[in-house]
Amino acid sequence: MKTTEQRHEETRERLAQFEEMTQTKAPDTIWDEDGAPTDEILIYAKSNGLSLDWLFLGDPLPSILYLHDMTIKKEVA
């Protein structure tokens, strides 16, 4: 099982990758004192289309399924 420090490092690496790919600048603070995502990172994610599942868990499946659903809805319409 991964430690909190390992998970945080992986999250920072994914965030840096996203910043580079999108040419955006994320907030410096990702977690608050209680370990929850900061309002700033949540706003950044929403504003830039950053999947929180991917950012925090490295799991792209929710995004893949969302894009699939949107594609199917367009074909039906």
N, C-alpha and C. Protein backbone atom coordinates (compact mmCIF):
# COMPACT_ATOMS: atom_id res chain seq x y z
N MET A 1 0.85 -1.19 0.00
CA MET A 1 0.00 0.00 0.00
C MET A 1 0.89 1.25 0.00
N LYS A 2 0.49 2.22 -0.78
CA LYS A 2 1.29 3.44 -0.91
C LYS A 2 1.09 4.34 0.30
N THR A 3 2.13 5.07 0.64
CA THR A 3 2.03 6.04 1.71
C THR A 3 1.40 7.32 1.18
N THR A 4 0.95 8.16 2.07
CA THR A 4 0.39 9.45 1.68
C THR A 4 1.42 10.26 0.91
N GLU A 5 2.65 10.21 1.36
CA GLU A 5 3.72 10.95 0.69
C GLU A 5 3.91 10.46 -0.75
N GLN A 6 3.85 9.16 -0.97
CA GLN A 6 3.98 8.61 -2.32
C GLN A 6 2.81 9.06 -3.20
N ARG A 7 1.60 9.00 -2.66
CA ARG A 7 0.43 9.43 -3.44
C ARG A 7 0.51 10.91 -3.78
N HIS A 8 0.96 11.72 -2.83
CA HIS A 8 1.09 13.16 -3.08
C HIS A 8 2.12 13.43 -4.16
N GLU A 9 3.23 12.71 -4.12
CA GLU A 9 4.26 12.89 -5.14
C GLU A 9 3.73 12.50 -6.53
N GLU A 10 2.99 11.41 -6.61
CA GLU A 10 2.41 11.01 -7.88
C GLU A 10 1.40 12.05 -8.38
N THR A 11 0.63 12.62 -7.47
CA THR A 11 -0.32 13.67 -7.85
C THR A 11 0.42 14.88 -8.38
N ARG A 12 1.49 15.28 -7.70
CA ARG A 12 2.28 16.43 -8.17
C ARG A 12 2.85 16.17 -9.56
N GLU A 13 3.29 14.93 -9.81
CA GLU A 13 3.84 14.59 -11.13
C GLU A 13 2.77 14.67 -12.21
N ARG A 14 1.57 14.17 -11.92
CA ARG A 14 0.48 14.25 -12.90
C ARG A 14 0.08 15.71 -13.14
N LEU A 15 0.06 16.51 -12.09
CA LEU A 15 -0.29 17.92 -12.24
C LEU A 15 0.74 18.65 -13.09
N ALA A 16 2.01 18.36 -12.87
CA ALA A 16 3.06 18.98 -13.68
C ALA A 16 2.92 18.56 -15.14
N GLN A 17 2.58 17.32 -15.38
CA GLN A 17 2.36 16.83 -16.74
C GLN A 17 1.20 17.58 -17.38
N PHE A 18 0.11 17.76 -16.64
CA PHE A 18 -1.06 18.46 -17.16
C PHE A 18 -0.71 19.92 -17.47
N GLU A 19 0.02 20.56 -16.57
CA GLU A 19 0.43 21.95 -16.80
C GLU A 19 1.24 22.07 -18.09
N GLU A 20 2.15 21.14 -18.29
CA GLU A 20 3.00 21.19 -19.47
C GLU A 20 2.18 20.96 -20.75
N MET A 21 1.28 19.99 -20.70
CA MET A 21 0.47 19.68 -21.88
C MET A 21 -0.50 20.80 -22.24
N THR A 22 -1.02 21.49 -21.23
CA THR A 22 -2.04 22.52 -21.46
C THR A 22 -1.49 23.94 -21.42
N GLN A 23 -0.22 24.08 -21.08
CA GLN A 23 0.39 25.41 -20.97
C GLN A 23 -0.39 26.29 -19.99
N THR A 24 -0.76 25.70 -18.86
CA THR A 24 -1.46 26.44 -17.80
C THR A 24 -0.63 26.38 -16.54
N LYS A 25 -0.98 27.19 -15.56
CA LYS A 25 -0.28 27.22 -14.28
C LYS A 25 -1.26 26.86 -13.17
N ALA A 26 -1.00 25.76 -12.52
CA ALA A 26 -1.85 25.31 -11.41
C ALA A 26 -1.48 26.05 -10.13
N PRO A 27 -2.39 26.09 -9.17
CA PRO A 27 -2.06 26.68 -7.88
C PRO A 27 -0.93 25.88 -7.21
N ASP A 28 -0.17 26.55 -6.39
CA ASP A 28 0.93 25.88 -5.68
C ASP A 28 0.42 24.92 -4.61
N THR A 29 -0.71 25.26 -4.01
CA THR A 29 -1.24 24.44 -2.91
C THR A 29 -2.33 23.51 -3.45
N ILE A 30 -2.12 22.22 -3.25
CA ILE A 30 -3.07 21.22 -3.73
C ILE A 30 -3.98 20.75 -2.60
N TRP A 31 -3.40 20.61 -1.40
CA TRP A 31 -4.15 20.11 -0.24
C TRP A 31 -4.18 21.15 0.87
N ASP A 32 -5.29 21.16 1.61
CA ASP A 32 -5.37 22.06 2.77
C ASP A 32 -4.77 21.37 3.99
N GLU A 33 -4.87 22.01 5.14
CA GLU A 33 -4.29 21.48 6.38
C GLU A 33 -4.88 20.13 6.79
N ASP A 34 -6.12 19.88 6.37
CA ASP A 34 -6.78 18.62 6.72
C ASP A 34 -6.54 17.52 5.69
N GLY A 35 -5.82 17.85 4.62
CA GLY A 35 -5.54 16.87 3.58
C GLY A 35 -6.56 16.83 2.46
N ALA A 36 -7.52 17.74 2.49
CA ALA A 36 -8.54 17.81 1.44
C ALA A 36 -8.04 18.71 0.31
N PRO A 37 -8.54 18.50 -0.92
CA PRO A 37 -8.15 19.39 -2.02
C PRO A 37 -8.55 20.84 -1.70
N THR A 38 -7.68 21.77 -2.06
CA THR A 38 -7.99 23.18 -1.83
C THR A 38 -9.03 23.67 -2.82
N ASP A 39 -9.72 24.74 -2.45
CA ASP A 39 -10.68 25.36 -3.38
C ASP A 39 -9.97 25.76 -4.66
N GLU A 40 -8.74 26.24 -4.54
CA GLU A 40 -7.99 26.71 -5.70
C GLU A 40 -7.73 25.58 -6.71
N ILE A 41 -7.37 24.40 -6.22
CA ILE A 41 -7.10 23.30 -7.15
C ILE A 41 -8.40 22.80 -7.78
N LEU A 42 -9.50 22.84 -7.00
CA LEU A 42 -10.79 22.43 -7.56
C LEU A 42 -11.26 23.40 -8.64
N ILE A 43 -11.07 24.69 -8.41
CA ILE A 43 -11.44 25.71 -9.41
C ILE A 43 -10.56 25.55 -10.65
N TYR A 44 -9.27 25.36 -10.45
CA TYR A 44 -8.35 25.15 -11.57
C TYR A 44 -8.77 23.93 -12.39
N ALA A 45 -9.09 22.84 -11.71
CA ALA A 45 -9.49 21.61 -12.40
C ALA A 45 -10.75 21.85 -13.23
N LYS A 46 -11.73 22.49 -12.64
CA LYS A 46 -12.98 22.76 -13.35
C LYS A 46 -12.75 23.69 -14.53
N SER A 47 -11.97 24.72 -14.34
CA SER A 47 -11.72 25.71 -15.38
C SER A 47 -10.93 25.16 -16.55
N ASN A 48 -10.12 24.12 -16.29
CA ASN A 48 -9.22 23.61 -17.32
C ASN A 48 -9.55 22.19 -17.79
N GLY A 49 -10.66 21.64 -17.31
CA GLY A 49 -11.06 20.31 -17.73
C GLY A 49 -10.17 19.20 -17.20
N LEU A 50 -9.59 19.42 -16.06
CA LEU A 50 -8.70 18.43 -15.43
C LEU A 50 -9.53 17.42 -14.64
N SER A 51 -9.39 16.15 -14.96
CA SER A 51 -10.10 15.10 -14.26
C SER A 51 -9.50 14.90 -12.86
N LEU A 52 -10.33 15.04 -11.85
CA LEU A 52 -9.85 14.82 -10.48
C LEU A 52 -9.54 13.35 -10.24
N ASP A 53 -10.26 12.46 -10.90
CA ASP A 53 -9.96 11.03 -10.78
C ASP A 53 -8.54 10.76 -11.27
N TRP A 54 -8.21 11.33 -12.40
CA TRP A 54 -6.86 11.14 -12.94
C TRP A 54 -5.83 11.84 -12.06
N LEU A 55 -6.11 13.07 -11.66
CA LEU A 55 -5.16 13.83 -10.86
C LEU A 55 -4.81 13.12 -9.56
N PHE A 56 -5.83 12.74 -8.81
CA PHE A 56 -5.58 12.19 -7.48
C PHE A 56 -5.39 10.67 -7.45
N LEU A 57 -5.99 9.97 -8.41
CA LEU A 57 -5.93 8.51 -8.37
C LEU A 57 -5.18 7.91 -9.55
N GLY A 58 -4.96 8.70 -10.59
CA GLY A 58 -4.32 8.18 -11.78
C GLY A 58 -5.25 7.31 -12.60
N ASP A 59 -6.56 7.44 -12.36
CA ASP A 59 -7.55 6.59 -13.00
C ASP A 59 -8.27 7.34 -14.11
N PRO A 60 -8.01 6.99 -15.37
CA PRO A 60 -8.67 7.69 -16.48
C PRO A 60 -10.06 7.14 -16.81
N LEU A 61 -10.47 6.04 -16.22
CA LEU A 61 -11.72 5.39 -16.61
C LEU A 61 -12.95 6.31 -16.53
N PRO A 62 -13.16 7.08 -15.47
CA PRO A 62 -14.34 7.96 -15.45
C PRO A 62 -14.36 8.94 -16.62
N SER A 63 -13.22 9.47 -17.00
CA SER A 63 -13.17 10.39 -18.14
C SER A 63 -13.47 9.66 -19.44
N ILE A 64 -12.94 8.47 -19.58
CA ILE A 64 -13.19 7.68 -20.78
C ILE A 64 -14.68 7.39 -20.92
N LEU A 65 -15.31 6.98 -19.83
CA LEU A 65 -16.73 6.66 -19.88
C LEU A 65 -17.57 7.91 -20.16
N TYR A 66 -17.19 9.03 -19.60
CA TYR A 66 -17.91 10.29 -19.86
C TYR A 66 -17.84 10.64 -21.34
N LEU A 67 -16.63 10.58 -21.91
CA LEU A 67 -16.49 10.89 -23.33
C LEU A 67 -17.27 9.91 -24.19
N HIS A 68 -17.28 8.66 -23.80
CA HIS A 68 -18.07 7.66 -24.52
C HIS A 68 -19.56 8.02 -24.48
N ASP A 69 -20.06 8.33 -23.31
CA ASP A 69 -21.47 8.70 -23.17
C ASP A 69 -21.82 9.93 -24.00
N MET A 70 -20.95 10.92 -24.01
CA MET A 70 -21.20 12.14 -24.78
C MET A 70 -21.23 11.82 -26.28
N THR A 71 -20.36 10.93 -26.73
CA THR A 71 -20.32 10.54 -28.13
C THR A 71 -21.60 9.82 -28.53
N ILE A 72 -22.05 8.91 -27.69
CA ILE A 72 -23.27 8.16 -27.96
C ILE A 72 -24.47 9.11 -28.01
N LYS A 73 -24.54 10.06 -27.10
CA LYS A 73 -25.66 11.01 -27.07
C LYS A 73 -25.69 11.85 -28.35
N LYS A 74 -24.51 12.24 -28.86
CA LYS A 74 -24.45 13.03 -30.10
C LYS A 74 -24.94 12.20 -31.29
N GLU A 75 -24.60 10.91 -31.30
CA GLU A 75 -25.02 10.05 -32.40
C GLU A 75 -26.52 9.82 -32.39
N VAL A 76 -27.13 9.78 -31.21
CA VAL A 76 -28.57 9.54 -31.08
C VAL A 76 -29.35 10.79 -31.45
N ALA A 77 -28.80 11.96 -31.13
CA ALA A 77 -29.50 13.22 -31.38
C ALA A 77 -29.62 13.58 -32.83
